[in-house]
Amino acid sequence: MSANWQDGTTKLAALKEGLTSGKLDATTLTQIESLKSMLSETNSTTQAVTEAANASKTSAMSIYEAFKAAIAKK
């Protein structure tokens, strides 16, 4: 994901430079669509990672609470 993001950042900078200098070509719209697609994929990946991290946290807290309860019974 990091390499993809870095590649997208490079492409965005090049596109911005071209737009700023008024150099639009036939691939400009394709480049914009490609960047939009990359952002959408990155957003989905980030959301999935966040959900997995939250599920892991919930599971770890459950195990911790069960451990505390077991220790309290001793």
Protein backbone atom coordinates (compact mmCIF):
# COMPACT_ATOMS: atom_id res chain seq x y z
CA MET A 1 0.00 0.00 0.00
CA SER A 2 2.86 2.37 0.83
CA ALA A 3 4.51 1.95 -2.58
CA ASN A 4 1.16 2.45 -4.30
CA TRP A 5 0.55 5.61 -2.27
CA GLN A 6 4.01 6.96 -3.06
CA ASP A 7 3.48 6.27 -6.77
CA GLY A 8 0.13 8.05 -6.61
CA THR A 9 1.71 11.02 -4.85
CA THR A 10 4.32 11.29 -7.61
CA LYS A 11 1.63 11.09 -10.29
CA LEU A 12 -0.47 13.71 -8.50
CA ALA A 13 2.49 16.10 -8.29
CA ALA A 14 3.20 15.66 -12.01
CA LEU A 15 -0.46 16.20 -12.87
CA LYS A 16 -0.62 19.31 -10.67
CA GLU A 17 2.51 20.69 -12.33
CA GLY A 18 1.04 20.06 -15.78
CA LEU A 19 -2.27 21.66 -14.87
CA THR A 20 -0.53 24.67 -13.30
CA SER A 21 1.55 25.24 -16.41
CA GLY A 22 -1.52 24.83 -18.64
CA LYS A 23 -0.19 21.70 -20.30
CA LEU A 24 -3.22 19.48 -20.62
CA ASP A 25 -3.03 16.48 -22.88
CA ALA A 26 -5.25 13.63 -23.92
CA THR A 27 -4.29 11.57 -20.87
CA THR A 28 -5.25 14.17 -18.24
CA LEU A 29 -8.74 12.79 -17.62
CA THR A 30 -7.39 9.24 -17.55
CA GLN A 31 -4.78 10.30 -15.00
CA ILE A 32 -7.43 11.96 -12.82
CA GLU A 33 -9.64 8.86 -12.97
CA SER A 34 -6.65 6.68 -12.10
CA LEU A 35 -5.88 8.82 -9.05
CA LYS A 36 -9.53 8.75 -7.97
CA SER A 37 -9.50 4.96 -8.26
CA MET A 38 -6.28 4.74 -6.23
CA LEU A 39 -7.79 6.92 -3.49
CA SER A 40 -10.91 4.76 -3.39
CA GLU A 41 -8.82 1.57 -3.08
CA THR A 42 -6.68 3.15 -0.37
CA ASN A 43 -9.76 4.22 1.53
CA SER A 44 -11.20 0.70 1.36
CA THR A 45 -7.91 -0.84 2.49
CA THR A 46 -7.59 1.62 5.36
CA GLN A 47 -11.15 0.92 6.45
CA ALA A 48 -10.55 -2.84 6.37
CA VAL A 49 -7.33 -2.51 8.38
CA THR A 50 -9.09 -0.28 10.93
CA GLU A 51 -11.92 -2.79 11.30
CA ALA A 52 -9.44 -5.66 11.75
CA ALA A 53 -7.50 -3.68 14.36
CA ASN A 54 -10.69 -2.90 16.26
CA ALA A 55 -11.72 -6.57 16.17
CA SER A 56 -8.28 -7.57 17.49
CA LYS A 57 -8.56 -4.99 20.26
CA THR A 58 -11.99 -6.27 21.25
CA SER A 59 -10.71 -9.85 21.30
CA ALA A 60 -7.64 -8.92 23.33
CA MET A 61 -9.75 -7.04 25.87
CA SER A 62 -12.08 -10.02 26.18
CA ILE A 63 -9.14 -12.33 26.88
CA TYR A 64 -7.74 -9.82 29.38
CA GLU A 65 -11.08 -9.60 31.22
CA ALA A 66 -11.33 -13.41 31.33
CA PHE A 67 -7.77 -13.57 32.70
CA LYS A 68 -8.59 -10.97 35.37
CA ALA A 69 -11.71 -12.92 36.37
CA ALA A 70 -9.71 -16.16 36.62
CA ILE A 71 -7.06 -14.49 38.81
CA ALA A 72 -9.75 -12.96 41.05
CA LYS A 73 -11.18 -16.41 41.73
CA LYS A 74 -7.89 -17.64 43.19
